[in-house]
């Protein structure tokens, strides 16, 4: 029988962590705009922290699939970028402890990894696990970024409007861990920032800000974001310059703006209709609306 505690080593001297939030971000699958990586980088670079648990990457990582960087100097190897999958302990502005599990996504042993994370959640009394990353969307950078939220209990994300209904996607260790935590009765939430598809391969701090805001709203943590905001302002200015210099790019952005505005308008109309109890739609109206929806899908395809 596999013992999940064999997959990591834990610091023997730890403070009381019961009720802490565990943030969970992995590199290697999907992270449009590097939204998740930027949040982890922001926290690690701007807050005092220490590693309290390390996973055995030799058992989890396929080195030949993604070879770590080594630096050569004249006649010798100078350094090696050692992969690290670890849990770090932080404290927010008010001294509230929280945890960040980050590093490369395991290439193997996903079920064992998920079981190991669950064992840490139970060992430390973690009240909630929050994962985050970015996904590419057909939306313009000139409009507010959306967020897709998902959770092991719907009540955890009650004020987030669902954007997608049902779809099948390639699995990830991050999402499998959330799924297994939910099956075991633990609270887990995930946030995916909607990154304009033409910025998906770039560092896009605005997406990281969107994710960080969602994390703070849900968890109650106080995490200053001025460094990210300054980076976002510089990036937005550069994007605006490039759009202004290219008529082709500007046209694409305008088309996305029109599409976005029409979508928001349609959603607002539906909310108003549902909120008006004195004006319930008839069967004929519902049928016509459904036919219009199908026609839109055909045109989009």
Protein backbone atom coordinates (compact mmCIF):
# COMPACT_ATOMS: atom_id res chain seq x y z
CA UNK A 1 0.00 0.00 0.00
CA UNK A 2 1.40 3.40 -0.97
CA UNK A 3 2.10 5.82 1.87
CA UNK A 4 1.58 9.39 0.50
CA UNK A 5 3.93 10.81 3.13
CA UNK A 6 6.82 9.04 1.35
CA UNK A 7 6.51 11.56 -1.48
CA UNK A 8 7.60 14.59 0.58
CA UNK A 9 9.66 15.77 3.53
CA UNK A 10 8.23 18.19 6.11
CA UNK A 11 9.94 20.66 8.41
CA UNK A 12 9.78 19.31 11.95
CA UNK A 13 9.29 22.76 13.51
CA UNK A 14 6.08 24.39 12.35
CA UNK A 15 3.65 26.91 13.86
CA UNK A 16 -0.06 26.18 14.25
CA UNK A 17 -1.51 26.06 10.73
CA UNK A 18 -5.07 24.96 11.44
CA UNK A 19 -7.48 27.01 9.32
CA UNK A 20 -4.81 28.22 6.90
CA UNK A 21 -5.40 28.55 3.15
CA UNK A 22 -3.21 26.57 0.75
CA UNK A 23 -2.58 28.24 -2.61
CA UNK A 24 -1.72 25.73 -5.35
CA UNK A 25 0.01 26.60 -8.66
CA UNK A 26 1.89 24.30 -11.03
CA UNK A 27 3.94 25.07 -14.15
CA UNK A 28 3.83 22.99 -17.29
CA UNK A 29 0.22 22.61 -18.45
CA UNK A 30 -1.84 25.71 -19.23
CA UNK A 31 -1.15 29.17 -17.87
CA UNK A 32 -2.09 31.81 -20.45
CA UNK A 33 -0.34 35.12 -19.83
CA UNK A 34 1.62 33.32 -17.10
CA UNK A 35 -1.14 34.47 -14.77
CA UNK A 36 -0.57 31.78 -12.16
CA UNK A 37 3.22 31.89 -12.37
CA UNK A 38 3.21 35.68 -11.96
CA UNK A 39 1.11 35.45 -8.79
CA UNK A 40 3.47 32.86 -7.29
CA UNK A 41 6.47 34.95 -8.34
CA UNK A 42 4.91 38.08 -6.85
CA UNK A 43 4.30 36.41 -3.50
CA UNK A 44 7.70 34.71 -3.32
CA UNK A 45 9.63 37.87 -4.24
CA UNK A 46 7.73 40.34 -2.05
CA UNK A 47 6.98 38.41 1.16
CA UNK A 48 9.21 36.75 3.70
CA UNK A 49 8.68 33.01 3.41
CA UNK A 50 10.31 29.68 4.08
CA UNK A 51 10.01 26.19 2.66
CA UNK A 52 8.21 23.85 5.05
CA UNK A 53 7.75 20.83 2.76
CA UNK A 54 9.54 19.50 -0.34
CA UNK A 55 8.31 16.89 -2.78
CA UNK A 56 10.62 14.23 -4.21
CA UNK A 57 11.01 15.64 -7.73
CA UNK A 58 13.27 12.76 -8.78
CA UNK A 59 10.19 10.53 -8.64
CA UNK A 60 7.77 13.05 -10.17
CA UNK A 61 9.65 14.84 -12.96
CA UNK A 62 10.70 13.54 -16.38
CA UNK A 63 14.02 15.33 -16.81
CA UNK A 64 14.39 14.34 -20.45
CA UNK A 65 11.00 15.88 -21.30
CA UNK A 66 11.93 19.25 -19.78
CA UNK A 67 15.62 19.42 -19.09
CA UNK A 68 16.71 21.75 -16.25
CA UNK A 69 19.08 24.55 -17.25
CA UNK A 70 22.80 24.20 -16.50
CA UNK A 71 25.29 27.07 -16.86
CA UNK A 72 28.75 26.48 -18.31
CA UNK A 73 31.62 28.89 -17.62
CA UNK A 74 34.87 28.59 -19.62
CA UNK A 75 35.95 25.16 -18.43
CA UNK A 76 33.46 23.99 -15.84
CA UNK A 77 29.78 23.69 -15.00
CA UNK A 78 28.94 26.68 -12.83
CA UNK A 79 25.34 26.09 -11.79
CA UNK A 80 22.32 23.84 -12.10
CA UNK A 81 18.71 25.07 -11.96
CA UNK A 82 17.39 22.46 -9.54
CA UNK A 83 13.64 21.78 -10.00
CA UNK A 84 11.72 22.40 -6.79
CA UNK A 85 8.17 21.43 -5.94
CA UNK A 86 7.63 22.79 -2.46
CA UNK A 87 5.25 24.29 0.07
CA UNK A 88 6.19 27.72 1.43
CA UNK A 89 4.83 29.40 4.55
CA UNK A 90 3.86 33.08 4.31
CA UNK A 91 2.02 35.60 6.48
CA UNK A 92 -0.24 38.30 5.04
CA UNK A 93 -0.36 41.98 6.12
CA UNK A 94 -2.25 41.09 9.29
CA UNK A 95 0.00 38.20 10.24
CA UNK A 96 -2.39 35.50 9.02
CA UNK A 97 -0.46 32.41 7.89
CA UNK A 98 -1.06 30.96 4.44
CA UNK A 99 0.72 28.42 2.27
CA UNK A 100 1.85 28.25 -1.36
CA UNK A 101 2.49 24.94 -3.09
CA UNK A 102 4.21 25.62 -6.40
CA UNK A 103 6.67 24.17 -8.87
CA UNK A 104 6.69 21.98 -11.97
CA UNK A 105 3.64 19.84 -12.64
CA UNK A 106 4.44 16.16 -11.94
CA UNK A 107 4.99 14.09 -15.08
CA UNK A 108 4.10 10.89 -13.25
CA UNK A 109 2.26 9.60 -10.17
CA UNK A 110 -0.63 12.06 -10.36
CA UNK A 111 -2.82 10.00 -8.06
CA UNK A 112 0.00 9.66 -5.54
CA UNK A 113 0.68 13.38 -5.79
CA UNK A 114 -2.99 14.21 -5.15
CA UNK A 115 -3.01 11.82 -2.19
CA UNK A 116 0.15 13.46 -0.83
CA UNK A 117 -1.39 16.95 -1.08
CA UNK A 118 -4.50 15.64 0.68
CA UNK A 119 -2.36 14.21 3.48
CA UNK A 120 -0.75 17.63 4.00
CA UNK A 121 -4.17 19.31 4.00
CA UNK A 122 -5.33 16.92 6.71
CA UNK A 123 -2.06 17.03 8.64
CA UNK A 124 -2.06 20.83 8.90
CA UNK A 125 -5.82 21.38 9.14
CA UNK A 126 -5.98 23.44 5.94
CA UNK A 127 -9.46 24.92 5.56
CA UNK A 128 -9.34 25.54 1.82
CA UNK A 129 -7.12 24.90 -1.20
CA UNK A 130 -7.10 27.50 -3.99
CA UNK A 131 -5.59 26.81 -7.42
CA UNK A 132 -5.10 29.44 -10.14
CA UNK A 133 -3.86 29.90 -13.70
CA UNK A 134 -4.75 31.63 -16.97
CA UNK A 135 -6.72 30.38 -19.98
CA UNK A 136 -6.84 31.95 -23.48
CA UNK A 137 -10.15 33.53 -24.46
CA UNK A 138 -11.48 35.49 -27.43
CA UNK A 139 -11.74 38.73 -25.45
CA UNK A 140 -10.03 42.12 -25.86
CA UNK A 141 -7.50 43.53 -23.40
CA UNK A 142 -9.51 46.79 -23.36
CA UNK A 143 -12.36 45.21 -21.38
CA UNK A 144 -12.46 43.82 -17.82
CA UNK A 145 -10.92 40.37 -17.63
CA UNK A 146 -13.26 37.56 -16.74
CA UNK A 147 -12.65 34.67 -14.38
CA UNK A 148 -13.91 31.11 -14.53
CA UNK A 149 -14.36 29.80 -10.99
CA UNK A 150 -14.94 26.19 -10.00
CA UNK A 151 -15.12 24.50 -6.63
CA UNK A 152 -15.85 21.30 -4.77
CA UNK A 153 -19.00 23.01 -3.39
CA UNK A 154 -21.06 25.52 -5.37
CA UNK A 155 -21.55 27.69 -2.27
CA UNK A 156 -17.85 28.53 -2.23
CA UNK A 157 -18.16 30.56 -5.46
CA UNK A 158 -21.76 31.69 -5.22
CA UNK A 159 -21.24 35.17 -6.70
CA UNK A 160 -19.25 33.99 -9.74
CA UNK A 161 -21.33 33.62 -12.88
CA UNK A 162 -20.61 30.42 -14.84
CA UNK A 163 -19.23 31.12 -18.31
CA UNK A 164 -19.04 27.55 -19.58
CA UNK A 165 -21.64 24.80 -19.33
CA UNK A 166 -20.02 21.45 -20.03
CA UNK A 167 -16.83 20.51 -21.84
CA UNK A 168 -14.08 17.91 -21.88
CA UNK A 169 -10.45 18.99 -21.63
CA UNK A 170 -7.09 17.27 -21.10
CA UNK A 171 -6.51 16.53 -17.45
CA UNK A 172 -3.91 18.16 -15.22
CA UNK A 173 -2.39 17.33 -11.85
CA UNK A 174 -3.79 20.62 -10.54
CA UNK A 175 -7.39 19.84 -11.46
CA UNK A 176 -7.12 16.17 -10.47
CA UNK A 177 -5.97 17.24 -7.01
CA UNK A 178 -9.01 19.52 -6.64
CA UNK A 179 -11.26 16.68 -7.80
CA UNK A 180 -9.77 14.21 -5.30
CA UNK A 181 -9.93 16.73 -2.45
CA UNK A 182 -13.61 17.27 -3.18
CA UNK A 183 -14.28 13.53 -3.17
CA UNK A 184 -12.60 13.38 0.24
CA UNK A 185 -14.83 16.15 1.63
CA UNK A 186 -12.31 19.01 1.55
CA UNK A 187 -13.03 22.53 0.28
CA UNK A 188 -11.08 23.40 -2.86
CA UNK A 189 -11.53 26.24 -5.35
CA UNK A 190 -9.96 27.07 -8.70
CA UNK A 191 -9.71 30.36 -10.59
CA UNK A 192 -8.85 30.68 -14.30
CA UNK A 193 -8.30 34.23 -15.57
CA UNK A 194 -9.52 34.92 -19.12
CA UNK A 195 -6.47 36.11 -21.05
CA UNK A 196 -6.87 37.64 -24.54
CA UNK A 197 -5.72 34.88 -26.87
CA UNK A 198 -3.25 37.19 -28.64
CA UNK A 199 -1.47 37.73 -25.29
CA UNK A 200 -1.55 34.12 -24.13
CA UNK A 201 2.16 33.53 -24.81
CA UNK A 202 3.28 36.75 -23.10
CA UNK A 203 3.67 37.77 -19.48
CA UNK A 204 0.40 39.58 -18.76
CA UNK A 205 0.35 41.04 -15.22
CA UNK A 206 -3.27 42.23 -15.57
CA UNK A 207 -4.35 38.58 -15.55
CA UNK A 208 -2.29 37.93 -12.43
CA UNK A 209 -3.97 40.91 -10.73
CA UNK A 210 -7.38 39.46 -11.61
CA UNK A 211 -6.40 36.12 -10.08
CA UNK A 212 -4.92 37.71 -6.96
CA UNK A 213 -8.08 39.77 -6.42
CA UNK A 214 -10.20 36.62 -6.64
CA UNK A 215 -7.95 34.87 -4.13
CA UNK A 216 -8.22 37.75 -1.66
CA UNK A 217 -11.99 38.05 -2.02
CA UNK A 218 -12.48 34.36 -1.35
CA UNK A 219 -9.87 33.75 1.35
CA UNK A 220 -9.95 37.04 3.24
CA UNK A 221 -6.16 37.33 2.97
CA UNK A 222 -4.65 40.82 2.68
CA UNK A 223 -2.00 40.71 -0.05
CA UNK A 224 -0.75 44.10 -1.33
CA UNK A 225 -0.45 44.14 -5.09
CA UNK A 226 1.30 47.43 -5.92
CA UNK A 227 4.33 45.70 -7.50
CA UNK A 228 2.01 43.78 -9.81
CA UNK A 229 0.02 46.93 -10.61
CA UNK A 230 3.17 48.82 -11.56
CA UNK A 231 4.20 45.96 -13.84
CA UNK A 232 0.70 45.85 -15.31
CA UNK A 233 0.74 49.58 -16.11
CA UNK A 234 4.03 49.21 -17.99
CA UNK A 235 2.77 46.19 -19.91
CA UNK A 236 -0.55 47.85 -20.78
CA UNK A 237 1.28 50.92 -22.09
CA UNK A 238 3.44 48.73 -24.34
CA UNK A 239 0.39 46.84 -25.62
CA UNK A 240 -1.37 50.13 -26.40
CA UNK A 241 1.69 51.32 -28.31
CA UNK A 242 1.84 48.16 -30.41
CA UNK A 243 -1.89 48.29 -31.17
CA UNK A 244 -1.58 51.93 -32.25
CA UNK A 245 1.30 51.05 -34.56
CA UNK A 246 -0.61 48.31 -36.40
CA UNK A 247 -3.88 48.86 -38.24
CA UNK A 248 -4.32 45.09 -38.55
CA UNK A 249 -3.99 44.49 -34.82
CA UNK A 250 -6.23 47.46 -34.04
CA UNK A 251 -8.94 46.01 -36.30
CA UNK A 252 -8.77 42.65 -34.51
CA UNK A 253 -9.10 44.39 -31.14
CA UNK A 254 -12.12 46.43 -32.35
CA UNK A 255 -13.83 43.27 -33.59
CA UNK A 256 -13.27 41.57 -30.25
CA UNK A 257 -14.62 44.64 -28.44
CA UNK A 258 -17.84 44.52 -30.46
CA UNK A 259 -18.21 40.79 -29.82
CA UNK A 260 -17.54 41.25 -26.09
CA UNK A 261 -20.01 44.15 -25.75
CA UNK A 262 -22.76 42.19 -27.52
CA UNK A 263 -22.18 39.21 -25.23
CA UNK A 264 -22.34 41.36 -22.07
CA UNK A 265 -25.48 43.09 -23.32
CA UNK A 266 -27.17 39.75 -23.98
CA UNK A 267 -26.22 38.47 -20.53
CA UNK A 268 -27.57 41.64 -18.87
CA UNK A 269 -30.87 41.27 -20.74
CA UNK A 270 -31.24 37.68 -19.58
CA UNK A 271 -30.55 38.66 -15.95
CA UNK A 272 -33.15 41.43 -16.14
CA UNK A 273 -35.73 39.06 -17.63
CA UNK A 274 -35.17 36.43 -14.94
CA UNK A 275 -35.29 39.04 -12.17
CA UNK A 276 -38.65 40.40 -13.34
CA UNK A 277 -41.13 37.95 -11.80
CA UNK A 278 -44.07 39.83 -13.34
CA UNK A 279 -42.74 39.15 -16.85
CA UNK A 280 -41.97 35.44 -17.19
CA UNK A 281 -41.12 34.30 -20.74
CA UNK A 282 -43.66 32.20 -22.60
CA UNK A 283 -42.90 28.79 -24.12
CA UNK A 284 -42.82 30.39 -27.57
CA UNK A 285 -40.32 33.01 -26.42
CA UNK A 286 -38.11 30.38 -24.83
CA UNK A 287 -38.23 28.34 -28.03
CA UNK A 288 -37.33 31.35 -30.15
CA UNK A 289 -34.45 32.20 -27.82
CA UNK A 290 -33.14 28.65 -28.01
CA UNK A 291 -33.34 28.67 -31.83
CA UNK A 292 -31.44 31.98 -31.89
CA UNK A 293 -28.77 30.49 -29.64
CA UNK A 294 -28.33 27.47 -31.91
CA UNK A 295 -28.08 29.70 -34.96
CA UNK A 296 -25.37 31.74 -33.25
CA UNK A 297 -23.43 28.57 -32.50
CA UNK A 298 -23.66 27.50 -36.14
CA UNK A 299 -22.33 30.85 -37.33
CA UNK A 300 -19.53 30.74 -34.75
CA UNK A 301 -18.52 27.22 -35.83
